[in-house]
Amino acid sequence: MVHEVTAARSFAMKRTRLIIKVMGIRMGSNRPSRMNYAKIRKIADKAQMMMPVAKGVSYTDGFVDGVEIEVLTPAVVKTDNIIFHIHGGGFTTGSVRTSRGFASFLADMSRSIVYTISYRCAPENPYPAGFDDCFNVYKHIAGKHPGSKIALCGESAGGNLAIALGLRCVAEGVKKPSAIIAYSAALDCTGGLVSHAQNAKTDIQIGAGLHAALAPLYAPNQDLKNPYLSPIYADDLTDFPPTMLVADVGEILYDDSVVFAEKLEKAGIDFEFYPYKNAFHAFPPTGTKTKESMEVLQNTISFINAH
């Protein structure tokens, strides 16, 4: 189901938009061709780690085949369902520490255990390194919790990885996620969708040229129409898991969600698409900081519970 566009009007959203715009200028993400990835990691990591952790949620670290993971457990666990959250960051930045704030609210509100991952990032570790890490950790979770349903959740690049992971599970006969939630998912690495250029003037965080800058780092010498890189090119979604999509109509990656929603509908898959206006790219992981992100968080929990 495609929902009506929700206009973001809260004071907290307006204030957060200003902060995000300033951060985009500082990181250079508004001019992708000139981005300094070491600088972006430093600024983004610092900003994400300032997010509070939900009260009563504990977290423990571990490793799966050398890949760092974190397990977040709410004070009261009321379900054996599991959530696997995959962070965004343009495939070049992020970790379990930057995921901790949002993942803790997922754990607290769902009353379920949440896993996060520090998958290997580009450009040091290009595709398929990070994708393989996510798949291997997913299989580890499925093996450790054989009777549990596992929902995937990710934003931006993490949304790409979550949806690509769903495709791989179907293709390889691995236990499917019970649901996939993708916020502002980057689903077309070719950069060929209309919003990729048209929304450069309205996206307060990311400027034109994102795909041209990122593709050589994340997927050098790869076919960018490979569905594991660009899920909108998947031929058959017949057995795909129920999916929830969220995106802002003014962001560069808006059409990624629009096109994928159309493919889900054509395949008869249960889906929800929540478009927002006057928010920003990947705003839901701000958690409880704005009325709008809190609304998405509540819808996320409801979608997971429904499946």
Protein backbone atom coordinates (compact mmCIF):
# COMPACT_ATOMS: atom_id res chain seq x y z
CA MET A 1 0.00 0.00 0.00
CA VAL A 2 1.26 3.44 -0.92
CA HIS A 3 0.27 5.97 1.74
CA GLU A 4 -0.49 9.65 1.30
CA VAL A 5 2.50 11.98 1.54
CA THR A 6 3.01 13.13 5.14
CA ALA A 7 4.19 16.72 5.52
CA ALA A 8 6.80 17.04 8.27
CA ARG A 9 5.85 20.12 10.26
CA SER A 10 7.20 19.66 13.78
CA PHE A 11 9.59 22.22 15.24
CA ALA A 12 12.02 19.42 16.08
CA MET A 13 12.10 18.35 12.43
CA LYS A 14 12.78 21.91 11.25
CA ARG A 15 15.60 22.20 13.78
CA THR A 16 17.03 18.81 12.81
CA ARG A 17 16.87 19.69 9.11
CA LEU A 18 19.05 22.71 9.80
CA ILE A 19 21.59 20.58 11.68
CA ILE A 20 21.63 18.00 8.87
CA LYS A 21 22.14 20.71 6.26
CA VAL A 22 25.11 22.12 8.14
CA MET A 23 26.55 18.61 8.60
CA GLY A 24 26.20 17.97 4.87
CA ILE A 25 28.24 21.08 4.14
CA ARG A 26 30.89 20.13 6.73
CA MET A 27 31.19 16.57 5.43
CA GLY A 28 31.06 17.64 1.79
CA SER A 29 28.21 15.23 1.08
CA ASN A 30 26.42 18.08 -0.71
CA ARG A 31 29.28 17.93 -3.24
CA PRO A 32 29.95 14.17 -3.63
CA SER A 33 32.77 14.56 -6.15
CA ARG A 34 34.80 16.33 -3.47
CA MET A 35 33.93 14.15 -0.48
CA ASN A 36 36.71 13.22 1.93
CA TYR A 37 35.73 9.83 3.30
CA ALA A 38 38.06 9.93 6.28
CA LYS A 39 36.50 13.24 7.28
CA ILE A 40 32.97 11.93 6.71
CA ARG A 41 33.64 8.94 8.96
CA LYS A 42 34.94 11.14 11.73
CA ILE A 43 32.01 13.59 11.64
CA ALA A 44 29.29 11.01 11.05
CA ASP A 45 30.59 8.66 13.74
CA LYS A 46 30.72 11.47 16.28
CA ALA A 47 27.20 12.64 15.44
CA GLN A 48 25.66 9.15 15.55
CA MET A 49 27.35 8.21 18.80
CA MET A 50 25.82 11.26 20.47
CA MET A 51 22.41 9.62 20.17
CA PRO A 52 21.16 8.43 23.56
CA VAL A 53 20.68 4.76 24.31
CA ALA A 54 17.19 3.78 25.43
CA LYS A 55 16.95 3.22 29.18
CA GLY A 56 17.14 -0.37 30.30
CA VAL A 57 18.68 -1.66 27.07
CA SER A 58 21.96 -3.52 27.52
CA TYR A 59 24.43 -4.30 24.77
CA THR A 60 27.15 -6.89 24.38
CA ASP A 61 29.70 -7.26 21.63
CA GLY A 62 30.92 -10.31 19.78
CA PHE A 63 32.32 -11.55 16.49
CA VAL A 64 31.07 -13.76 13.65
CA ASP A 65 33.85 -14.96 11.36
CA GLY A 66 35.91 -11.95 12.40
CA VAL A 67 33.08 -9.46 11.84
CA GLU A 68 32.08 -7.36 14.84
CA ILE A 69 28.47 -7.55 15.97
CA GLU A 70 26.52 -6.12 18.88
CA VAL A 71 23.49 -7.64 20.59
CA LEU A 72 21.05 -5.23 22.23
CA THR A 73 18.62 -6.61 24.80
CA PRO A 74 15.74 -4.66 26.35
CA ALA A 75 15.07 -4.84 30.09
CA VAL A 76 11.99 -6.95 29.35
CA VAL A 77 11.95 -9.33 26.38
CA LYS A 78 8.40 -10.23 25.37
CA THR A 79 8.96 -12.00 22.07
CA ASP A 80 11.43 -14.39 20.48
CA ASN A 81 11.38 -12.31 17.30
CA ILE A 82 14.76 -10.92 16.27
CA ILE A 83 15.61 -7.66 14.47
CA PHE A 84 18.84 -7.35 12.46
CA HIS A 85 19.66 -3.69 11.87
CA ILE A 86 22.14 -2.83 9.10
CA HIS A 87 23.57 0.68 9.24
CA GLY A 88 23.86 3.12 6.38
CA GLY A 89 26.74 5.45 5.53
CA GLY A 90 27.21 5.32 1.77
CA PHE A 91 28.88 1.89 2.07
CA THR A 92 31.93 3.76 3.40
CA THR A 93 31.24 4.46 7.07
CA GLY A 94 29.34 3.22 10.13
CA SER A 95 29.63 0.53 12.80
CA VAL A 96 27.84 -1.09 15.73
CA ARG A 97 28.65 2.03 17.75
CA THR A 98 26.97 4.38 15.30
CA SER A 99 23.97 2.01 15.18
CA ARG A 100 23.60 1.71 18.94
CA GLY A 101 21.26 4.63 19.61
CA PHE A 102 18.61 3.76 17.03
CA ALA A 103 18.97 0.01 17.56
CA SER A 104 18.38 0.51 21.29
CA PHE A 105 15.02 2.17 20.59
CA LEU A 106 14.12 -0.66 18.23
CA ALA A 107 14.89 -3.10 21.05
CA ASP A 108 13.06 -1.09 23.70
CA MET A 109 9.88 -0.50 21.72
CA SER A 110 9.67 -3.98 20.17
CA ARG A 111 10.70 -5.75 23.39
CA SER A 112 12.89 -7.99 21.25
CA ILE A 113 16.60 -8.63 20.79
CA VAL A 114 18.34 -6.55 18.11
CA TYR A 115 21.58 -7.41 16.34
CA THR A 116 23.82 -4.83 14.64
CA ILE A 117 26.96 -5.24 12.55
CA SER A 118 30.21 -3.52 11.65
CA TYR A 119 30.39 -4.84 8.10
CA ARG A 120 33.52 -4.13 6.09
CA CYS A 121 33.26 -0.79 4.33
CA ALA A 122 34.54 0.59 1.03
CA PRO A 123 36.83 1.74 -0.39
CA GLU A 124 39.19 -0.49 1.60
CA ASN A 125 36.77 -3.41 1.24
CA PRO A 126 34.60 -3.07 -1.88
CA TYR A 127 31.64 -5.25 -2.87
CA PRO A 128 30.98 -8.06 -2.08
CA ALA A 129 32.88 -7.84 1.23
CA GLY A 130 30.28 -5.94 3.28
CA PHE A 131 27.38 -7.75 1.61
CA ASP A 132 28.93 -11.13 2.41
CA ASP A 133 29.46 -10.03 6.02
CA CYS A 134 25.77 -9.18 6.38
CA PHE A 135 24.72 -12.49 4.80
CA ASN A 136 27.03 -14.52 7.05
CA VAL A 137 25.84 -12.74 10.19
CA TYR A 138 22.23 -13.23 9.12
CA LYS A 139 22.83 -16.97 8.74
CA HIS A 140 24.51 -16.98 12.17
CA ILE A 141 21.45 -15.33 13.72
CA ALA A 142 19.12 -17.78 11.96
CA GLY A 143 21.18 -20.70 13.24
CA LYS A 144 21.32 -19.39 16.79
CA HIS A 145 17.59 -18.63 16.89
CA PRO A 146 16.07 -21.40 14.73
CA GLY A 147 12.51 -20.87 16.01
CA SER A 148 12.52 -17.09 15.69
CA LYS A 149 11.34 -14.79 12.96
CA ILE A 150 14.01 -12.34 11.83
CA ALA A 151 13.20 -8.87 10.51
CA LEU A 152 15.78 -6.79 8.64
CA CYS A 153 15.98 -3.02 9.02
CA GLY A 154 18.37 -0.61 7.35
CA GLU A 155 18.75 2.96 6.13
CA SER A 156 20.31 4.27 2.91
CA ALA A 157 23.16 1.86 2.07
CA GLY A 158 21.85 -0.35 4.88
CA GLY A 159 18.48 -0.41 3.14
CA ASN A 160 20.23 -1.58 -0.02
CA LEU A 161 21.99 -4.35 1.90
CA ALA A 162 18.81 -5.44 3.69
CA ILE A 163 16.83 -5.74 0.44
CA ALA A 164 19.73 -7.38 -1.41
CA LEU A 165 20.01 -9.80 1.50
CA GLY A 166 16.34 -10.68 1.07
CA LEU A 167 16.98 -11.42 -2.61
CA ARG A 168 19.94 -13.63 -1.76
CA CYS A 169 18.02 -15.59 0.87
CA VAL A 170 15.32 -16.38 -1.70
CA ALA A 171 17.87 -17.29 -4.38
CA GLU A 172 19.94 -19.56 -2.12
CA GLY A 173 17.09 -21.17 -0.22
CA VAL A 174 18.08 -19.65 3.11
CA LYS A 175 15.38 -18.92 5.70
CA LYS A 176 13.70 -15.71 4.56
CA PRO A 177 13.42 -12.59 6.71
CA SER A 178 9.90 -12.22 8.10
CA ALA A 179 9.92 -8.56 7.08
CA ILE A 180 12.26 -5.96 5.61
CA ILE A 181 12.17 -2.28 6.56
CA ALA A 182 14.20 0.10 4.39
CA TYR A 183 14.52 3.83 4.99
CA SER A 184 15.70 5.94 2.01
CA ALA A 185 17.20 2.81 0.49
CA ALA A 186 19.83 3.22 -2.22
CA LEU A 187 18.45 0.69 -4.70
CA ASP A 188 20.00 1.79 -8.01
CA CYS A 189 23.77 2.13 -8.12
CA THR A 190 23.68 3.18 -11.77
CA GLY A 191 22.39 6.65 -10.86
CA GLY A 192 19.86 6.49 -13.68
CA LEU A 193 16.59 7.37 -11.92
CA VAL A 194 14.97 10.78 -12.44
CA SER A 195 15.20 11.87 -8.78
CA HIS A 196 18.96 11.24 -8.75
CA ALA A 197 19.44 14.43 -10.75
CA GLN A 198 16.14 16.24 -10.39
CA ASN A 199 16.14 16.31 -6.58
CA ALA A 200 19.69 17.60 -6.26
CA LYS A 201 18.21 21.05 -5.62
CA THR A 202 15.83 19.87 -2.87
CA ASP A 203 18.00 17.29 -1.08
CA ILE A 204 19.50 19.19 1.86
CA GLN A 205 22.07 16.50 2.60
CA ILE A 206 23.30 14.97 -0.65
CA GLY A 207 24.22 16.78 -3.85
CA ALA A 208 24.33 15.73 -7.50
CA GLY A 209 26.93 13.17 -8.51
CA LEU A 210 26.47 10.79 -5.56
CA HIS A 211 26.39 7.65 -7.67
CA ALA A 212 29.28 8.68 -9.88
CA ALA A 213 31.37 9.24 -6.74
CA LEU A 214 30.32 6.12 -4.80
CA ALA A 215 30.09 3.43 -7.48
CA PRO A 216 33.86 3.28 -8.19
CA LEU A 217 34.49 2.96 -4.44
CA TYR A 218 31.86 0.40 -3.52
CA ALA A 219 31.61 -1.63 -6.72
CA PRO A 220 34.66 -1.08 -8.95
CA ASN A 221 34.59 -3.09 -12.18
CA GLN A 222 31.16 -4.53 -11.34
CA ASP A 223 27.96 -4.74 -13.35
CA LEU A 224 25.92 -2.07 -11.57
CA LYS A 225 22.69 -3.69 -12.74
CA ASN A 226 23.46 -6.77 -10.65
CA PRO A 227 20.37 -7.00 -8.37
CA TYR A 228 22.62 -7.49 -5.34
CA LEU A 229 24.02 -4.04 -6.11
CA SER A 230 20.88 -2.45 -7.57
CA PRO A 231 17.82 -4.37 -6.32
CA ILE A 232 15.43 -2.47 -8.63
CA TYR A 233 16.82 -4.68 -11.41
CA ALA A 234 15.65 -7.90 -9.76
CA ASP A 235 13.57 -9.84 -12.31
CA ASP A 236 11.30 -11.78 -9.97
CA LEU A 237 10.06 -10.67 -6.54
CA THR A 238 7.37 -13.36 -6.27
CA ASP A 239 8.77 -14.85 -3.03
CA PHE A 240 10.17 -11.63 -1.58
CA PRO A 241 9.44 -10.87 2.10
CA PRO A 242 6.87 -8.24 3.18
CA THR A 243 8.55 -4.85 2.91
CA MET A 244 8.13 -1.40 4.43
CA LEU A 245 9.66 1.58 2.63
CA VAL A 246 10.10 5.17 3.84
CA ALA A 247 11.57 8.08 1.87
CA ASP A 248 11.41 11.85 1.57
CA VAL A 249 9.97 13.16 -1.71
CA GLY A 250 12.72 15.78 -1.95
CA GLU A 251 15.71 13.48 -1.57
CA ILE A 252 17.87 12.16 -4.36
CA LEU A 253 17.02 8.53 -3.60
CA TYR A 254 13.24 9.00 -3.58
CA ASP A 255 12.63 7.21 -6.88
CA ASP A 256 14.53 4.16 -5.63
CA SER A 257 11.67 3.49 -3.20
CA VAL A 258 9.00 4.46 -5.74
CA VAL A 259 10.27 2.01 -8.36
CA PHE A 260 10.80 -0.81 -5.89
CA ALA A 261 7.31 -0.29 -4.44
CA GLU A 262 5.89 -0.62 -7.94
CA LYS A 263 7.77 -3.90 -8.42
CA LEU A 264 6.53 -5.22 -5.07
CA GLU A 265 2.95 -4.34 -5.97
CA LYS A 266 3.24 -6.03 -9.36
CA ALA A 267 4.61 -9.17 -7.68
CA GLY A 268 1.75 -9.23 -5.17
CA ILE A 269 4.00 -8.73 -2.15
CA ASP A 270 2.60 -7.20 1.04
CA PHE A 271 4.24 -3.78 1.32
CA GLU A 272 3.82 -0.35 2.89
CA PHE A 273 5.37 2.79 1.42
CA TYR A 274 5.38 5.93 3.56
CA PRO A 275 6.49 9.04 1.62
CA TYR A 276 7.31 12.17 3.63
CA LYS A 277 7.77 15.79 2.62
CA ASN A 278 10.08 18.37 4.23
CA ALA A 279 12.01 15.73 6.15
CA PHE A 280 15.43 14.58 4.86
CA HIS A 281 17.39 11.58 3.62
CA ALA A 282 17.29 8.63 6.04
CA PHE A 283 15.59 10.60 8.81
CA PRO A 284 13.96 7.69 10.72
CA PRO A 285 17.17 6.62 12.57
CA THR A 286 17.01 9.89 14.51
CA GLY A 287 14.66 7.75 16.59
CA THR A 288 12.59 9.70 19.07
CA LYS A 289 14.08 13.11 18.31
CA THR A 290 11.24 14.27 16.06
CA LYS A 291 7.52 13.57 15.90
CA GLU A 292 7.95 12.22 12.39
CA SER A 293 10.84 9.85 13.15
CA MET A 294 8.96 8.58 16.20
CA GLU A 295 5.95 7.91 13.99
CA VAL A 296 8.09 5.88 11.59
CA LEU A 297 9.59 3.97 14.51
CA GLN A 298 6.11 3.05 15.73
CA ASN A 299 5.05 2.01 12.22
CA THR A 300 8.21 -0.07 11.95
CA ILE A 301 7.41 -1.99 15.14
CA SER A 302 3.81 -2.49 14.00
CA PHE A 303 4.98 -3.81 10.62
CA ILE A 304 7.42 -6.20 12.24
CA ASN A 305 4.79 -7.44 14.70
CA ALA A 306 2.28 -7.96 11.89
CA HIS A 307 4.67 -10.34 10.16
